[in-house]
Protein backbone atom coordinates (compact mmCIF):
# COMPACT_ATOMS: atom_id res chain seq x y z
CA MET A 1 -71.88 46.17 64.82
CA SER A 2 -73.17 47.21 61.40
CA GLU A 3 -76.87 47.27 60.64
CA ALA A 4 -78.39 44.38 58.73
CA MET A 5 -78.88 44.65 54.97
CA LEU A 6 -82.11 43.55 53.31
CA LEU A 7 -81.45 42.50 49.73
CA ASP A 8 -84.06 41.98 47.05
CA VAL A 9 -82.60 39.05 45.13
CA ASP A 10 -84.84 38.47 42.12
CA GLY A 11 -87.93 39.02 44.23
CA VAL A 12 -86.69 37.15 47.31
CA GLU A 13 -85.80 39.13 50.42
CA VAL A 14 -82.50 37.98 51.93
CA LYS A 15 -81.30 39.39 55.23
CA ILE A 16 -77.56 39.90 55.63
CA SER A 17 -76.79 40.47 59.30
CA SER A 18 -73.60 42.30 60.36
CA PRO A 19 -72.44 42.89 56.76
CA ASP A 20 -69.20 44.52 57.94
CA LYS A 21 -68.16 41.46 59.92
CA VAL A 22 -64.65 40.53 58.79
CA TYR A 23 -64.52 37.16 57.03
CA PHE A 24 -60.93 37.33 55.72
CA PRO A 25 -58.90 38.97 58.52
CA GLU A 26 -55.57 39.27 56.73
CA ARG A 27 -57.23 41.11 53.85
CA GLY A 28 -59.83 43.00 55.88
CA GLN A 29 -62.59 41.70 53.63
CA THR A 30 -66.06 41.34 55.01
CA LYS A 31 -69.30 39.46 54.67
CA ARG A 32 -70.47 42.34 52.47
CA ASP A 33 -67.48 41.79 50.16
CA LEU A 34 -68.31 38.10 49.85
CA VAL A 35 -71.96 38.89 49.10
CA GLU A 36 -70.89 41.32 46.38
CA TYR A 37 -68.52 38.73 44.94
CA TYR A 38 -71.27 36.15 44.50
CA ARG A 39 -73.60 38.75 43.02
CA ALA A 40 -70.91 39.67 40.48
CA VAL A 41 -70.33 36.08 39.32
CA SER A 42 -73.89 34.79 39.72
CA GLY A 43 -74.36 33.99 36.02
CA PRO A 44 -71.48 31.54 35.54
CA LEU A 45 -71.80 30.36 39.16
CA LEU A 46 -75.39 29.21 38.73
CA ALA A 47 -74.62 27.72 35.33
CA ARG A 48 -72.52 25.16 37.24
CA LEU A 49 -74.14 24.96 40.69
CA GLY A 50 -77.75 25.66 39.81
CA GLY A 51 -80.13 22.91 40.93
CA ARG A 52 -77.44 20.91 42.75
CA PRO A 53 -77.28 19.95 46.44
CA LEU A 54 -74.65 21.77 48.49
CA LEU A 55 -72.51 20.82 51.47
CA LEU A 56 -71.79 23.97 53.45
CA GLU A 57 -68.37 24.70 54.96
CA ARG A 58 -69.16 27.16 57.74
CA TYR A 59 -66.77 29.64 59.37
CA PRO A 60 -69.04 31.92 61.40
CA ASP A 61 -66.05 33.88 62.73
CA GLY A 62 -64.30 34.08 59.38
CA ALA A 63 -61.41 32.24 57.72
CA GLY A 64 -59.09 30.68 60.27
CA GLY A 65 -61.77 30.48 62.96
CA LYS A 66 -63.87 27.60 64.21
CA ASN A 67 -65.48 25.68 61.39
CA TRP A 68 -67.55 22.66 60.47
CA PHE A 69 -69.21 20.98 57.50
CA GLN A 70 -72.98 21.05 57.42
CA LYS A 71 -75.19 18.91 55.20
CA ARG A 72 -78.45 19.60 56.99
CA VAL A 73 -80.25 22.92 56.63
CA PRO A 74 -80.69 24.21 60.21
CA LYS A 75 -84.03 24.54 61.94
CA GLY A 76 -85.68 27.90 61.55
CA ALA A 77 -84.51 28.34 57.96
CA PRO A 78 -86.84 30.44 55.78
CA SER A 79 -89.74 28.63 54.15
CA TRP A 80 -88.67 29.69 50.65
CA LEU A 81 -85.50 27.59 50.76
CA THR A 82 -85.37 24.55 48.49
CA THR A 83 -83.84 21.42 50.02
CA THR A 84 -83.35 17.84 48.93
CA VAL A 85 -82.55 14.59 50.71
CA VAL A 86 -78.92 13.47 50.44
CA SER A 87 -77.38 10.36 51.96
CA THR A 88 -74.01 9.19 53.24
CA PRO A 89 -72.21 5.87 52.67
CA ASN A 90 -73.60 4.56 55.96
CA GLY A 91 -77.16 5.34 54.93
CA THR A 92 -77.93 8.39 57.07
CA THR A 93 -79.85 11.17 55.34
CA SER A 94 -80.04 14.95 55.58
CA ASP A 95 -82.08 17.74 54.03
CA ALA A 96 -79.40 19.63 52.11
CA LEU A 97 -79.59 23.08 50.59
CA VAL A 98 -80.15 23.21 46.82
CA ALA A 99 -78.49 25.98 44.80
CA LYS A 100 -81.81 26.98 43.28
CA ASP A 101 -80.81 30.60 42.72
CA LEU A 102 -78.59 33.39 44.01
CA ALA A 103 -80.83 33.98 47.03
CA HIS A 104 -80.01 30.47 48.28
CA ILE A 105 -76.27 31.15 47.94
CA LEU A 106 -76.45 34.48 49.78
CA TRP A 107 -78.57 32.99 52.55
CA ALA A 108 -75.74 30.51 53.19
CA VAL A 109 -73.09 33.24 53.01
CA ASN A 110 -74.95 35.06 55.77
CA LEU A 111 -74.52 31.96 57.97
CA GLY A 112 -70.76 32.13 57.51
CA CYS A 113 -70.50 29.68 54.63
CA LEU A 114 -67.02 30.17 53.21
CA GLY A 115 -67.05 27.09 51.02
CA PHE A 116 -69.63 25.28 48.89
CA HIS A 117 -69.03 21.61 48.10
CA VAL A 118 -71.24 20.34 45.29
CA TRP A 119 -72.84 17.01 44.44
CA PRO A 120 -72.30 15.77 40.86
CA TYR A 121 -76.01 15.52 40.08
CA LEU A 122 -79.11 17.67 39.95
CA ALA A 123 -81.44 17.47 42.93
CA ASP A 124 -84.30 16.48 40.61
CA THR A 125 -82.37 13.49 39.17
CA PRO A 126 -80.10 12.09 41.91
CA GLU A 127 -79.91 8.73 40.15
CA VAL A 128 -77.98 10.31 37.25
CA THR A 129 -74.43 11.62 37.66
CA ASP A 130 -73.81 14.23 34.99
CA GLU A 131 -70.22 15.24 35.80
CA LEU A 132 -66.98 13.27 35.84
CA ARG A 133 -64.50 15.14 38.02
CA VAL A 134 -60.80 14.50 37.53
CA ASP A 135 -58.99 15.72 40.65
CA LEU A 136 -55.28 16.15 39.96
CA ASP A 137 -53.75 16.01 43.42
CA PRO A 138 -50.12 17.00 44.03
CA SER A 139 -48.05 14.49 45.98
CA PRO A 140 -45.13 15.75 48.13
CA GLY A 141 -42.45 17.22 45.91
CA ILE A 142 -44.88 18.03 43.12
CA GLY A 143 -45.05 21.63 41.92
CA PHE A 144 -47.67 23.44 39.90
CA ASP A 145 -45.68 22.93 36.70
CA ASP A 146 -46.11 19.18 37.20
CA LEU A 147 -49.85 19.68 37.58
CA ARG A 148 -49.93 21.73 34.39
CA GLU A 149 -48.26 18.90 32.51
CA ALA A 150 -50.57 16.27 34.02
CA ALA A 151 -53.61 18.34 33.05
CA LEU A 152 -52.46 18.55 29.44
CA LEU A 153 -51.70 14.83 29.32
CA THR A 154 -55.17 14.10 30.71
CA ARG A 155 -56.83 16.44 28.24
CA ASP A 156 -55.00 14.86 25.31
CA PHE A 157 -55.85 11.32 26.41
CA LEU A 158 -59.52 12.19 26.74
CA ALA A 159 -59.49 13.93 23.36
CA GLU A 160 -58.08 10.78 21.74
CA HIS A 161 -61.28 9.06 22.86
CA GLY A 162 -63.59 11.85 21.75
CA ILE A 163 -64.10 13.32 25.22
CA GLU A 164 -63.92 17.05 25.96
CA GLY A 165 -62.58 18.21 29.31
CA HIS A 166 -62.76 21.60 31.03
CA LEU A 167 -60.22 22.90 33.52
CA LYS A 168 -60.43 24.88 36.75
CA THR A 169 -58.16 25.68 39.63
CA SER A 170 -59.17 23.99 42.86
CA GLY A 171 -58.78 27.19 44.87
CA SER A 172 -56.00 25.42 46.75
CA ARG A 173 -53.01 23.43 45.44
CA GLY A 174 -54.61 21.27 42.78
CA LEU A 175 -56.38 21.33 39.43
CA HIS A 176 -59.78 19.92 38.56
CA LEU A 177 -60.74 18.72 35.09
CA TYR A 178 -64.49 18.29 34.50
CA VAL A 179 -66.32 16.30 31.85
CA MET A 180 -69.99 17.22 31.44
CA LEU A 181 -71.84 13.97 30.79
CA GLU A 182 -74.84 12.70 28.93
CA PRO A 183 -77.54 11.82 31.51
CA ARG A 184 -77.00 8.06 31.22
CA TRP A 185 -74.80 6.84 34.06
CA ASP A 186 -74.97 6.47 37.82
CA SER A 187 -72.20 7.32 40.28
CA PHE A 188 -70.83 3.76 40.39
CA GLN A 189 -70.35 3.79 36.61
CA VAL A 190 -68.78 7.25 36.66
CA ARG A 191 -66.36 6.16 39.37
CA ALA A 192 -65.47 3.06 37.32
CA ALA A 193 -64.73 5.34 34.37
CA ALA A 194 -62.54 7.54 36.59
CA VAL A 195 -60.59 4.50 37.84
CA ALA A 196 -60.04 3.33 34.27
CA LEU A 197 -58.87 6.79 33.23
CA ALA A 198 -56.42 7.03 36.13
CA ARG A 199 -54.97 3.59 35.38
CA ALA A 200 -54.66 4.31 31.67
CA LEU A 201 -52.84 7.57 32.38
CA GLU A 202 -50.48 5.80 34.78
CA ARG A 203 -49.69 3.11 32.21
CA ARG A 204 -48.91 5.72 29.58
CA HIS A 205 -47.00 8.13 31.87
CA PRO A 206 -45.75 6.01 34.79
CA GLU A 207 -43.09 8.50 35.87
CA LYS A 208 -45.49 11.45 36.01
CA ILE A 209 -48.97 10.21 36.91
CA THR A 210 -50.22 7.64 39.41
CA ALA A 211 -53.49 5.86 40.11
CA GLN A 212 -52.23 4.40 43.40
CA TRP A 213 -54.67 4.98 46.24
CA TRP A 214 -52.11 4.43 49.01
CA LYS A 215 -49.86 7.44 49.53
CA GLU A 216 -46.81 5.26 50.17
CA GLU A 217 -47.04 3.99 46.57
CA ARG A 218 -47.39 7.33 44.80
CA GLY A 219 -43.89 8.73 44.99
CA SER A 220 -43.39 12.17 43.46
CA ARG A 221 -46.16 11.86 40.92
CA VAL A 222 -49.50 13.55 40.31
CA PHE A 223 -52.30 11.45 41.76
CA VAL A 224 -55.55 11.16 39.78
CA ASP A 225 -58.04 10.94 42.65
CA PHE A 226 -60.70 8.71 41.14
CA ASN A 227 -62.56 8.41 44.46
CA GLN A 228 -63.77 11.98 44.14
CA ASN A 229 -66.35 10.33 41.87
CA ALA A 230 -67.55 7.82 44.46
CA PRO A 231 -71.25 7.95 45.40
CA HIS A 232 -72.08 10.65 47.95
CA LYS A 233 -68.83 12.55 47.28
CA THR A 234 -68.75 16.29 46.76
CA VAL A 235 -66.09 18.51 45.17
CA PHE A 236 -65.37 22.15 45.91
CA GLY A 237 -67.66 24.30 43.82
CA THR A 238 -66.78 26.08 40.60
CA TRP A 239 -66.51 29.87 41.09
CA CYS A 240 -66.65 29.38 44.88
CA VAL A 241 -64.40 31.19 47.36
CA ARG A 242 -62.18 29.04 49.58
CA PRO A 243 -61.90 29.68 53.33
CA ARG A 244 -58.24 30.60 52.89
CA VAL A 245 -56.69 33.83 54.12
CA GLY A 246 -56.29 35.02 50.54
CA GLY A 247 -59.92 34.37 49.58
CA GLN A 248 -58.83 32.19 46.65
CA VAL A 249 -61.48 31.11 44.14
CA SER A 250 -61.87 27.79 42.33
CA THR A 251 -61.75 29.37 38.88
CA PRO A 252 -62.46 27.96 35.41
CA ILE A 253 -59.66 28.67 32.96
CA GLY A 254 -59.17 28.19 29.26
CA TRP A 255 -56.61 25.66 28.09
CA ASP A 256 -54.78 28.53 26.41
CA GLU A 257 -54.30 30.13 29.85
CA LEU A 258 -52.80 27.14 31.61
CA ASP A 259 -49.17 28.02 30.90
CA GLY A 260 -49.34 31.37 32.64
CA VAL A 261 -51.81 30.61 35.40
CA GLU A 262 -50.88 31.40 39.00
CA PRO A 263 -53.82 29.95 40.93
CA ASP A 264 -53.39 32.06 44.06
CA ALA A 265 -54.00 35.16 41.92
CA PHE A 266 -57.66 34.21 41.50
CA THR A 267 -59.40 35.75 44.52
CA LEU A 268 -62.73 37.31 45.40
CA SER A 269 -61.04 40.66 44.64
CA THR A 270 -59.78 39.76 41.16
CA VAL A 271 -62.24 37.24 39.71
CA PRO A 272 -65.24 39.58 39.16
CA ALA A 273 -63.18 41.82 36.86
CA ARG A 274 -61.88 38.73 35.08
CA VAL A 275 -65.44 37.51 34.46
CA ALA A 276 -66.51 40.94 33.23
CA GLU A 277 -63.57 41.05 30.81
CA ARG A 278 -63.26 37.44 29.64
CA GLY A 279 -66.64 35.90 30.37
CA ASP A 280 -67.02 32.26 31.36
CA PRO A 281 -64.41 29.86 29.89
CA TRP A 282 -66.92 27.03 30.41
CA ALA A 283 -69.81 28.77 28.66
CA GLY A 284 -71.82 26.26 26.65
CA ALA A 285 -70.01 23.23 28.05
CA GLY A 286 -73.24 21.78 29.39
CA GLU A 287 -74.72 21.96 25.90
CA ARG A 288 -72.09 19.50 24.64
CA PRO A 289 -72.60 16.48 26.91
CA GLN A 290 -69.95 13.79 26.59
CA SER A 291 -69.95 10.00 26.60
CA ILE A 292 -67.80 7.95 28.98
CA ALA A 293 -68.49 4.76 27.03
CA PRO A 294 -64.81 4.52 25.93
CA LEU A 295 -63.67 4.71 29.56
CA LEU A 296 -66.19 2.08 30.64
CA GLU A 297 -64.87 -0.19 27.89
CA MET A 298 -61.38 0.27 29.37
CA SER A 299 -62.77 -0.60 32.79
CA GLU A 300 -64.30 -3.81 31.46
CA ALA A 301 -61.02 -4.70 29.75
CA ASP A 302 -59.12 -4.13 33.00
CA MET A 303 -61.48 -6.50 34.84
CA LYS A 304 -61.15 -9.15 32.10
CA ASN A 305 -57.38 -8.87 32.41
CA GLY A 306 -57.59 -9.72 36.10
CA LEU A 307 -57.43 -6.29 37.70
CA MET A 308 -59.55 -5.78 40.78
CA ASP A 309 -61.45 -2.62 41.58
CA ALA A 310 -59.40 0.17 43.15
CA PRO A 311 -59.71 0.67 46.92
CA TRP A 312 -62.61 2.73 48.20
CA PRO A 313 -62.36 5.35 50.98
CA PRO A 314 -62.65 3.94 54.51
CA VAL A 315 -66.13 5.37 55.16
CA TYR A 316 -67.64 3.08 52.49
CA PRO A 317 -68.75 -0.50 53.05
CA LYS A 318 -66.63 -3.20 51.46
CA MET A 319 -67.36 -3.31 47.73
CA PRO A 320 -67.49 -6.27 45.31
CA ASN A 321 -64.13 -7.08 43.69
CA GLU A 322 -62.33 -4.62 45.96
CA PRO A 323 -58.82 -5.57 47.13
CA PRO A 324 -58.03 -5.70 50.86
CA ARG A 325 -58.44 -2.22 52.27
CA VAL A 326 -55.04 -2.06 53.92
CA ALA A 327 -51.86 -0.23 52.97
CA PRO A 328 -49.32 -2.50 51.23
CA SER A 329 -46.68 -1.99 53.93
CA ARG A 330 -49.10 -3.14 56.61
CA ALA A 331 -50.30 -6.05 54.49
CA LYS A 332 -46.73 -7.33 54.16
CA LYS A 333 -46.26 -7.26 57.93
CA ALA A 334 -49.50 -9.19 58.38
């Protein structure tokens, strides 16, 4: 067992126990490698995660081993950690870790955190959602070329309405498009905007994009997962390493890169050099906050035209104007 490392992280001492413990067995990469990765990308990482609550995805024995999600900071955590209260749809609360600085990230890595899932608001202003997250989710039969096309169609639609979007790989099979928002809307409004966007894209490109919540209705189309914007939802963090055997990273990319992108090529081994060479494709995005007013106008028009809200995930209480929360095939049998 390797000796512990004591790191001075901007004046905070962080202990890294067993730094040579293997976290990615098929690649032989260790806890030390993951620590060095986050140190290398700390600038752009904290530009996106800084000040936000984090849900930790823990793999104490490395990728492929036992794992669990952890909202609550464990007992015995150091006194210098910053936490904030987060809640779930059923009203339970937890003291979650806040990504205050790099020391907080490395403390979690030492616990075996191989995935950071991030709330769409700052811990200081939980009533304001400042990111709209468009999750382009591949249905069965959908390849990455289809996702590329859907991302471009989404970008162009948003641009028509004066909204700027920024793209990243999910670190898995999908693509995420982010819109950095003016601090004006809560999570219910942002979700309503996401539903309206998904429906508008489906109307314009019905053979390629779907807003249908039930899998049986999607066919071979890219699903715009609007419920990733529901209150209390988190999305996998920008610049964060996935607990996959390849150590893939959810990586921001420029729109000019989309054609040639192979998402599995972005790993904890390759991304630091990419950042050193190309910088952060999202640099300055937070300084150009966007308005979702056009999308909320579409939402209001949909309601006036008789559309109900889209279904919510099953863990949420029944919502006003929500259709029956049952798959269409089961509803027909009933």
